[in-house]
Amino acid sequence: MELGCLLKYDGEGFFNASLAEPMSCIIGAYNAQYHREFGVYEHKMGIENGGNMAILAGTGPMGLGAIDYIVNNDKRPKRLAV
């Protein structure tokens, strides 16, 4: 702030930008999932398309964001339990 490096914002509200950090956490967790076959030590990153997924304690704002991201993604589970 002392060096004047902040970007000036003249918009109506900050709420759209306030969702960037929670959504980056959701997307990062979604992409960090991995699977492996027994005896094979090669990780397959991401979720399995058509697989099963459970979101524990996912009824808050980040949980609802995760559900929205998952059901609107090209690679989505067949069954989602929240």
PDB file of N, CA and C in Angstrom:
ATOM      1  N   MET A   1       0.815  -1.183   0.000  1.00  0.00           N
ATOM      2  CA  MET A   1       0.000   0.000   0.000  1.00  0.00           C
ATOM      3  C   MET A   1       0.867   1.258   0.000  1.00  0.00           C
ATOM      4  N   GLU A   2       1.963   1.193   0.710  1.00  0.00           N
ATOM      5  CA  GLU A   2       2.830   2.360   0.784  1.00  0.00           C
ATOM      6  C   GLU A   2       3.471   2.688  -0.554  1.00  0.00           C
ATOM      7  N   LEU A   3       3.645   1.673  -1.405  1.00  0.00           N
ATOM      8  CA  LEU A   3       4.275   1.896  -2.709  1.00  0.00           C
ATOM      9  C   LEU A   3       3.264   2.221  -3.808  1.00  0.00           C
ATOM     10  N   GLY A   4       1.981   2.273  -3.458  1.00  0.00           N
ATOM     11  CA  GLY A   4       0.952   2.602  -4.444  1.00  0.00           C
ATOM     12  C   GLY A   4       0.674   1.480  -5.422  1.00  0.00           C
ATOM     13  N   CYS A   5       0.779   0.237  -4.976  1.00  0.00           N
ATOM     14  CA  CYS A   5       0.603  -0.911  -5.868  1.00  0.00           C
ATOM     15  C   CYS A   5      -0.823  -1.451  -5.899  1.00  0.00           C
ATOM     16  N   LEU A   6      -1.740  -0.878  -5.154  1.00  0.00           N
ATOM     17  CA  LEU A   6      -3.120  -1.340  -5.164  1.00  0.00           C
ATOM     18  C   LEU A   6      -3.831  -0.845  -6.411  1.00  0.00           C
ATOM     19  N   LEU A   7      -4.680  -1.696  -6.957  1.00  0.00           N
ATOM     20  CA  LEU A   7      -5.459  -1.310  -8.126  1.00  0.00           C
ATOM     21  C   LEU A   7      -6.682  -0.523  -7.686  1.00  0.00           C
ATOM     22  N   LYS A   8      -6.982   0.542  -8.380  1.00  0.00           N
ATOM     23  CA  LYS A   8      -8.153   1.351  -8.060  1.00  0.00           C
ATOM     24  C   LYS A   8      -9.392   0.643  -8.597  1.00  0.00           C
ATOM     25  N   TYR A   9     -10.422   0.590  -7.782  1.00  0.00           N
ATOM     26  CA  TYR A   9     -11.673  -0.064  -8.172  1.00  0.00           C
ATOM     27  C   TYR A   9     -12.813   0.934  -8.052  1.00  0.00           C
ATOM     28  N   ASP A  10     -13.543   1.134  -9.145  1.00  0.00           N
ATOM     29  CA  ASP A  10     -14.647   2.085  -9.152  1.00  0.00           C
ATOM     30  C   ASP A  10     -15.994   1.401  -9.379  1.00  0.00           C
ATOM     31  N   GLY A  11     -16.073   0.114  -9.152  1.00  0.00           N
ATOM     32  CA  GLY A  11     -17.313  -0.617  -9.392  1.00  0.00           C
ATOM     33  C   GLY A  11     -18.335  -0.396  -8.296  1.00  0.00           C
ATOM     34  N   GLU A  12     -19.502  -1.043  -8.472  1.00  0.00           N
ATOM     35  CA  GLU A  12     -20.595  -0.889  -7.520  1.00  0.00           C
ATOM     36  C   GLU A  12     -20.356  -1.654  -6.229  1.00  0.00           C
ATOM     37  N   GLY A  13     -19.704  -2.793  -6.297  1.00  0.00           N
ATOM     38  CA  GLY A  13     -19.511  -3.593  -5.097  1.00  0.00           C
ATOM     39  C   GLY A  13     -18.342  -4.536  -5.260  1.00  0.00           C
ATOM     40  N   PHE A  14     -17.889  -5.054  -4.151  1.00  0.00           N
ATOM     41  CA  PHE A  14     -16.737  -5.956  -4.145  1.00  0.00           C
ATOM     42  C   PHE A  14     -17.143  -7.430  -4.074  1.00  0.00           C
ATOM     43  N   PHE A  15     -18.450  -7.718  -4.054  1.00  0.00           N
ATOM     44  CA  PHE A  15     -18.891  -9.083  -3.805  1.00  0.00           C
ATOM     45  C   PHE A  15     -18.432 -10.069  -4.873  1.00  0.00           C
ATOM     46  N   ASN A  16     -18.340  -9.673  -6.133  1.00  0.00           N
ATOM     47  CA  ASN A  16     -17.875 -10.606  -7.171  1.00  0.00           C
ATOM     48  C   ASN A  16     -16.424 -11.002  -6.934  1.00  0.00           C
ATOM     49  N   ALA A  17     -15.589 -10.044  -6.607  1.00  0.00           N
ATOM     50  CA  ALA A  17     -14.182 -10.343  -6.350  1.00  0.00           C
ATOM     51  C   ALA A  17     -13.999 -11.135  -5.060  1.00  0.00           C
ATOM     52  N   SER A  18     -14.920 -10.970  -4.110  1.00  0.00           N
ATOM     53  CA  SER A  18     -14.784 -11.676  -2.838  1.00  0.00           C
ATOM     54  C   SER A  18     -14.969 -13.183  -3.001  1.00  0.00           C
ATOM     55  N   LEU A  19     -15.529 -13.643  -4.114  1.00  0.00           N
ATOM     56  CA  LEU A  19     -15.724 -15.072  -4.355  1.00  0.00           C
ATOM     57  C   LEU A  19     -14.515 -15.733  -5.003  1.00  0.00           C
ATOM     58  N   ALA A  20     -13.524 -14.957  -5.419  1.00  0.00           N
ATOM     59  CA  ALA A  20     -12.372 -15.519  -6.135  1.00  0.00           C
ATOM     60  C   ALA A  20     -11.579 -16.484  -5.263  1.00  0.00           C
ATOM     61  N   GLU A  21     -11.287 -16.125  -4.031  1.00  0.00           N
ATOM     62  CA  GLU A  21     -10.468 -16.986  -3.165  1.00  0.00           C
ATOM     63  C   GLU A  21     -11.205 -18.270  -2.781  1.00  0.00           C
ATOM     64  N   PRO A  22     -12.478 -18.225  -2.336  1.00  0.00           N
ATOM     65  CA  PRO A  22     -13.164 -19.489  -2.039  1.00  0.00           C
ATOM     66  C   PRO A  22     -13.297 -20.398  -3.258  1.00  0.00           C
ATOM     67  N   MET A  23     -13.585 -19.817  -4.435  1.00  0.00           N
ATOM     68  CA  MET A  23     -13.717 -20.650  -5.630  1.00  0.00           C
ATOM     69  C   MET A  23     -12.374 -21.245  -6.047  1.00  0.00           C
ATOM     70  N   SER A  24     -11.280 -20.530  -5.837  1.00  0.00           N
ATOM     71  CA  SER A  24      -9.973 -21.107  -6.170  1.00  0.00           C
ATOM     72  C   SER A  24      -9.669 -22.288  -5.259  1.00  0.00           C
ATOM     73  N   CYS A  25     -10.110 -22.226  -4.003  1.00  0.00           N
ATOM     74  CA  CYS A  25      -9.941 -23.374  -3.091  1.00  0.00           C
ATOM     75  C   CYS A  25     -10.787 -24.562  -3.552  1.00  0.00           C
ATOM     76  N   ILE A  26     -12.010 -24.293  -3.976  1.00  0.00           N
ATOM     77  CA  ILE A  26     -12.909 -25.357  -4.453  1.00  0.00           C
ATOM     78  C   ILE A  26     -12.334 -26.023  -5.698  1.00  0.00           C
ATOM     79  N   ILE A  27     -11.899 -25.227  -6.659  1.00  0.00           N
ATOM     80  CA  ILE A  27     -11.353 -25.768  -7.907  1.00  0.00           C
ATOM     81  C   ILE A  27     -10.056 -26.521  -7.639  1.00  0.00           C
ATOM     82  N   GLY A  28      -9.217 -25.997  -6.752  1.00  0.00           N
ATOM     83  CA  GLY A  28      -7.977 -26.680  -6.401  1.00  0.00           C
ATOM     84  C   GLY A  28      -8.232 -28.036  -5.764  1.00  0.00           C
ATOM     85  N   ALA A  29      -9.206 -28.110  -4.858  1.00  0.00           N
ATOM     86  CA  ALA A  29      -9.538 -29.387  -4.215  1.00  0.00           C
ATOM     87  C   ALA A  29     -10.132 -30.366  -5.223  1.00  0.00           C
ATOM     88  N   TYR A  30     -10.943 -29.872  -6.129  1.00  0.00           N
ATOM     89  CA  TYR A  30     -11.552 -30.703  -7.175  1.00  0.00           C
ATOM     90  C   TYR A  30     -10.477 -31.337  -8.056  1.00  0.00           C
ATOM     91  N   ASN A  31      -9.485 -30.538  -8.432  1.00  0.00           N
ATOM     92  CA  ASN A  31      -8.417 -31.026  -9.313  1.00  0.00           C
ATOM     93  C   ASN A  31      -7.353 -31.819  -8.571  1.00  0.00           C
ATOM     94  N   ALA A  32      -7.290 -31.720  -7.246  1.00  0.00           N
ATOM     95  CA  ALA A  32      -6.271 -32.427  -6.473  1.00  0.00           C
ATOM     96  C   ALA A  32      -6.671 -33.871  -6.156  1.00  0.00           C
ATOM     97  N   GLN A  33      -7.895 -34.261  -6.471  1.00  0.00           N
ATOM     98  CA  GLN A  33      -8.323 -35.640  -6.224  1.00  0.00           C
ATOM     99  C   GLN A  33      -7.520 -36.574  -7.129  1.00  0.00           C
ATOM    100  N   TYR A  34      -7.190 -37.732  -6.611  1.00  0.00           N
ATOM    101  CA  TYR A  34      -6.490 -38.693  -7.463  1.00  0.00           C
ATOM    102  C   TYR A  34      -6.941 -40.107  -7.134  1.00  0.00           C
ATOM    103  N   HIS A  35      -6.714 -40.979  -8.089  1.00  0.00           N
ATOM    104  CA  HIS A  35      -7.074 -42.391  -7.971  1.00  0.00           C
ATOM    105  C   HIS A  35      -5.883 -43.216  -8.411  1.00  0.00           C
ATOM    106  N   ARG A  36      -5.819 -44.414  -7.891  1.00  0.00           N
ATOM    107  CA  ARG A  36      -4.797 -45.353  -8.357  1.00  0.00           C
ATOM    108  C   ARG A  36      -5.358 -46.753  -8.260  1.00  0.00           C
ATOM    109  N   GLU A  37      -4.819 -47.618  -9.077  1.00  0.00           N
ATOM    110  CA  GLU A  37      -5.218 -49.019  -9.050  1.00  0.00           C
ATOM    111  C   GLU A  37      -4.324 -49.748  -8.065  1.00  0.00           C
ATOM    112  N   PHE A  38      -4.844 -50.796  -7.473  1.00  0.00           N
ATOM    113  CA  PHE A  38      -4.076 -51.568  -6.510  1.00  0.00           C
ATOM    114  C   PHE A  38      -2.826 -52.151  -7.182  1.00  0.00           C
ATOM    115  N   GLY A  39      -1.684 -51.900  -6.589  1.00  0.00           N
ATOM    116  CA  GLY A  39      -0.421 -52.421  -7.114  1.00  0.00           C
ATOM    117  C   GLY A  39       0.201 -51.568  -8.209  1.00  0.00           C
ATOM    118  N   VAL A  40      -0.484 -50.557  -8.674  1.00  0.00           N
ATOM    119  CA  VAL A  40       0.041 -49.666  -9.701  1.00  0.00           C
ATOM    120  C   VAL A  40       0.251 -48.305  -9.055  1.00  0.00           C
ATOM    121  N   TYR A  41       1.454 -47.791  -9.141  1.00  0.00           N
ATOM    122  CA  TYR A  41       1.782 -46.554  -8.441  1.00  0.00           C
ATOM    123  C   TYR A  41       1.791 -45.342  -9.369  1.00  0.00           C
ATOM    124  N   GLU A  42       0.776 -45.277 -10.182  1.00  0.00           N
ATOM    125  CA  GLU A  42       0.588 -44.140 -11.072  1.00  0.00           C
ATOM    126  C   GLU A  42      -0.701 -43.446 -10.655  1.00  0.00           C
ATOM    127  N   HIS A  43      -0.615 -42.175 -10.293  1.00  0.00           N
ATOM    128  CA  HIS A  43      -1.795 -41.436  -9.873  1.00  0.00           C
ATOM    129  C   HIS A  43      -2.549 -40.907 -11.082  1.00  0.00           C
ATOM    130  N   LYS A  44      -3.857 -41.075 -11.074  1.00  0.00           N
ATOM    131  CA  LYS A  44      -4.729 -40.482 -12.090  1.00  0.00           C
ATOM    132  C   LYS A  44      -5.372 -39.270 -11.440  1.00  0.00           C
ATOM    133  N   MET A  45      -4.991 -38.096 -11.889  1.00  0.00           N
ATOM    134  CA  MET A  45      -5.446 -36.858 -11.254  1.00  0.00           C
ATOM    135  C   MET A  45      -6.870 -36.493 -11.689  1.00  0.00           C
ATOM    136  N   GLY A  46      -7.585 -35.821 -10.796  1.00  0.00           N
ATOM    137  CA  GLY A  46      -8.956 -35.392 -11.065  1.00  0.00           C
ATOM    138  C   GLY A  46      -9.951 -36.448 -10.633  1.00  0.00           C
ATOM    139  N   ILE A  47     -11.214 -36.127 -10.745  1.00  0.00           N
ATOM    140  CA  ILE A  47     -12.231 -37.102 -10.360  1.00  0.00           C
ATOM    141  C   ILE A  47     -12.497 -38.036 -11.534  1.00  0.00           C
ATOM    142  N   GLU A  48     -13.123 -39.162 -11.236  1.00  0.00           N
ATOM    143  CA  GLU A  48     -13.525 -40.088 -12.291  1.00  0.00           C
ATOM    144  C   GLU A  48     -14.860 -39.623 -12.841  1.00  0.00           C
ATOM    145  N   ASN A  49     -14.933 -39.466 -14.140  1.00  0.00           N
ATOM    146  CA  ASN A  49     -16.194 -39.103 -14.768  1.00  0.00           C
ATOM    147  C   ASN A  49     -17.176 -40.249 -14.580  1.00  0.00           C
ATOM    148  N   GLY A  50     -18.341 -39.959 -14.008  1.00  0.00           N
ATOM    149  CA  GLY A  50     -19.338 -41.005 -13.772  1.00  0.00           C
ATOM    150  C   GLY A  50     -19.102 -41.786 -12.498  1.00  0.00           C
ATOM    151  N   GLY A  51     -18.184 -41.348 -11.650  1.00  0.00           N
ATOM    152  CA  GLY A  51     -17.900 -42.037 -10.402  1.00  0.00           C
ATOM    153  C   GLY A  51     -18.809 -41.582  -9.278  1.00  0.00           C
ATOM    154  N   ASN A  52     -18.374 -41.814  -8.055  1.00  0.00           N
ATOM    155  CA  ASN A  52     -19.114 -41.416  -6.863  1.00  0.00           C
ATOM    156  C   ASN A  52     -18.335 -40.344  -6.122  1.00  0.00           C
ATOM    157  N   MET A  53     -19.051 -39.387  -5.513  1.00  0.00           N
ATOM    158  CA  MET A  53     -18.397 -38.328  -4.764  1.00  0.00           C
ATOM    159  C   MET A  53     -19.232 -38.002  -3.543  1.00  0.00           C
ATOM    160  N   ALA A  54     -18.538 -37.747  -2.428  1.00  0.00           N
ATOM    161  CA  ALA A  54     -19.200 -37.314  -1.197  1.00  0.00           C
ATOM    162  C   ALA A  54     -18.568 -36.007  -0.746  1.00  0.00           C
ATOM    163  N   ILE A  55     -19.393 -35.049  -0.382  1.00  0.00           N
ATOM    164  CA  ILE A  55     -18.932 -33.787   0.194  1.00  0.00           C
ATOM    165  C   ILE A  55     -19.428 -33.761   1.629  1.00  0.00           C
ATOM    166  N   LEU A  56     -18.508 -33.796   2.572  1.00  0.00           N
ATOM    167  CA  LEU A  56     -18.865 -33.791   3.982  1.00  0.00           C
ATOM    168  C   LEU A  56     -18.978 -32.360   4.483  1.00  0.00           C
ATOM    169  N   ALA A  57     -20.000 -32.067   5.248  1.00  0.00           N
ATOM    170  CA  ALA A  57     -20.258 -30.737   5.807  1.00  0.00           C
ATOM    171  C   ALA A  57     -20.279 -29.690   4.707  1.00  0.00           C
ATOM    172  N   GLY A  58     -20.962 -29.967   3.613  1.00  0.00           N
ATOM    173  CA  GLY A  58     -20.954 -29.082   2.456  1.00  0.00           C
ATOM    174  C   GLY A  58     -22.206 -28.247   2.302  1.00  0.00           C
ATOM    175  N   THR A  59     -22.786 -27.765   3.400  1.00  0.00           N
ATOM    176  CA  THR A  59     -24.017 -26.984   3.271  1.00  0.00           C
ATOM    177  C   THR A  59     -23.800 -25.494   3.499  1.00  0.00           C
ATOM    178  N   GLY A  60     -22.560 -25.079   3.722  1.00  0.00           N
ATOM    179  CA  GLY A  60     -22.259 -23.657   3.871  1.00  0.00           C
ATOM    180  C   GLY A  60     -21.986 -23.019   2.523  1.00  0.00           C
ATOM    181  N   PRO A  61     -21.493 -21.804   2.517  1.00  0.00           N
ATOM    182  CA  PRO A  61     -21.236 -21.110   1.248  1.00  0.00           C
ATOM    183  C   PRO A  61     -20.234 -21.831   0.347  1.00  0.00           C
ATOM    184  N   MET A  62     -19.134 -22.348   0.919  1.00  0.00           N
ATOM    185  CA  MET A  62     -18.153 -23.051   0.074  1.00  0.00           C
ATOM    186  C   MET A  62     -18.699 -24.386  -0.395  1.00  0.00           C
ATOM    187  N   GLY A  63     -19.487 -25.053   0.439  1.00  0.00           N
ATOM    188  CA  GLY A  63     -20.103 -26.312   0.022  1.00  0.00           C
ATOM    189  C   GLY A  63     -21.073 -26.107  -1.119  1.00  0.00           C
ATOM    190  N   LEU A  64     -21.870 -25.059  -1.034  1.00  0.00           N
ATOM    191  CA  LEU A  64     -22.808 -24.763  -2.121  1.00  0.00           C
ATOM    192  C   LEU A  64     -22.064 -24.363  -3.387  1.00  0.00           C
ATOM    193  N   GLY A  65     -20.950 -23.641  -3.235  1.00  0.00           N
ATOM    194  CA  GLY A  65     -20.124 -23.310  -4.393  1.00  0.00           C
ATOM    195  C   GLY A  65     -19.522 -24.561  -5.024  1.00  0.00           C
ATOM    196  N   ALA A  66     -19.110 -25.515  -4.173  1.00  0.00           N
ATOM    197  CA  ALA A  66     -18.537 -26.768  -4.674  1.00  0.00           C
ATOM    198  C   ALA A  66     -19.587 -27.574  -5.424  1.00  0.00           C
ATOM    199  N   ILE A  67     -20.791 -27.645  -4.882  1.00  0.00           N
ATOM    200  CA  ILE A  67     -21.871 -28.379  -5.556  1.00  0.00           C
ATOM    201  C   ILE A  67     -22.155 -27.743  -6.913  1.00  0.00           C
ATOM    202  N   ASP A  68     -22.250 -26.428  -6.950  1.00  0.00           N
ATOM    203  CA  ASP A  68     -22.506 -25.718  -8.205  1.00  0.00           C
ATOM    204  C   ASP A  68     -21.397 -25.984  -9.217  1.00  0.00           C
ATOM    205  N   TYR A  69     -20.149 -25.953  -8.756  1.00  0.00           N
ATOM    206  CA  TYR A  69     -19.016 -26.194  -9.662  1.00  0.00           C
ATOM    207  C   TYR A  69     -19.046 -27.624 -10.192  1.00  0.00           C
ATOM    208  N   ILE A  70     -19.336 -28.576  -9.320  1.00  0.00           N
ATOM    209  CA  ILE A  70     -19.304 -29.990  -9.718  1.00  0.00           C
ATOM    210  C   ILE A  70     -20.418 -30.326 -10.704  1.00  0.00           C
ATOM    211  N   VAL A  71     -21.641 -29.893 -10.436  1.00  0.00           N
ATOM    212  CA  VAL A  71     -22.746 -30.271 -11.321  1.00  0.00           C
ATOM    213  C   VAL A  71     -22.711 -29.527 -12.652  1.00  0.00           C
ATOM    214  N   ASN A  72     -21.958 -28.438 -12.741  1.00  0.00           N
ATOM    215  CA  ASN A  72     -21.854 -27.692 -13.995  1.00  0.00           C
ATOM    216  C   ASN A  72     -20.532 -27.908 -14.715  1.00  0.00           C
ATOM    217  N   ASN A  73     -19.744 -28.884 -14.271  1.00  0.00           N
ATOM    218  CA  ASN A  73     -18.454 -29.176 -14.881  1.00  0.00           C
ATOM    219  C   ASN A  73     -18.630 -30.255 -15.940  1.00  0.00           C
ATOM    220  N   ASP A  74     -17.713 -30.291 -16.916  1.00  0.00           N
ATOM    221  CA  ASP A  74     -17.778 -31.344 -17.946  1.00  0.00           C
ATOM    222  C   ASP A  74     -17.496 -32.712 -17.351  1.00  0.00           C
ATOM    223  N   LYS A  75     -16.632 -32.773 -16.374  1.00  0.00           N
ATOM    224  CA  LYS A  75     -16.265 -34.031 -15.727  1.00  0.00           C
ATOM    225  C   LYS A  75     -16.977 -34.075 -14.380  1.00  0.00           C
ATOM    226  N   ARG A  76     -18.076 -34.836 -14.308  1.00  0.00           N
ATOM    227  CA  ARG A  76     -18.881 -34.840 -13.092  1.00  0.00           C
ATOM    228  C   ARG A  76     -19.186 -36.259 -12.640  1.00  0.00           C
ATOM    229  N   PRO A  77     -19.447 -36.418 -11.345  1.00  0.00           N
ATOM    230  CA  PRO A  77     -19.756 -37.749 -10.836  1.00  0.00           C
ATOM    231  C   PRO A  77     -21.189 -38.168 -11.205  1.00  0.00           C
ATOM    232  N   LYS A  78     -21.407 -39.471 -11.226  1.00  0.00           N
ATOM    233  CA  LYS A  78     -22.744 -40.003 -11.460  1.00  0.00           C
ATOM    234  C   LYS A  78     -23.587 -39.821 -10.203  1.00  0.00           C
ATOM    235  N   ARG A  79     -22.946 -39.997  -9.034  1.00  0.00           N
ATOM    236  CA  ARG A  79     -23.642 -39.879  -7.759  1.00  0.00           C
ATOM    237  C   ARG A  79     -22.897 -38.888  -6.875  1.00  0.00           C
ATOM    238  N   LEU A  80     -23.609 -37.909  -6.351  1.00  0.00           N
ATOM    239  CA  LEU A  80     -23.029 -36.911  -5.457  1.00  0.00           C
ATOM    240  C   LEU A  80     -23.827 -36.902  -4.164  1.00  0.00           C
ATOM    241  N   ALA A  81     -23.173 -37.222  -3.060  1.00  0.00           N
ATOM    242  CA  ALA A  81     -23.820 -37.220  -1.745  1.00  0.00           C
ATOM    243  C   ALA A  81     -23.263 -36.046  -0.944  1.00  0.00           C
ATOM    244  N   VAL A  82     -24.159 -35.226  -0.408  1.00  0.00           N
ATOM    245  CA  VAL A  82     -23.756 -34.077   0.406  1.00  0.00           C
ATOM    246  C   VAL A  82     -24.304 -34.274   1.801  1.00  0.00           C
TER     247      VAL A  82
END
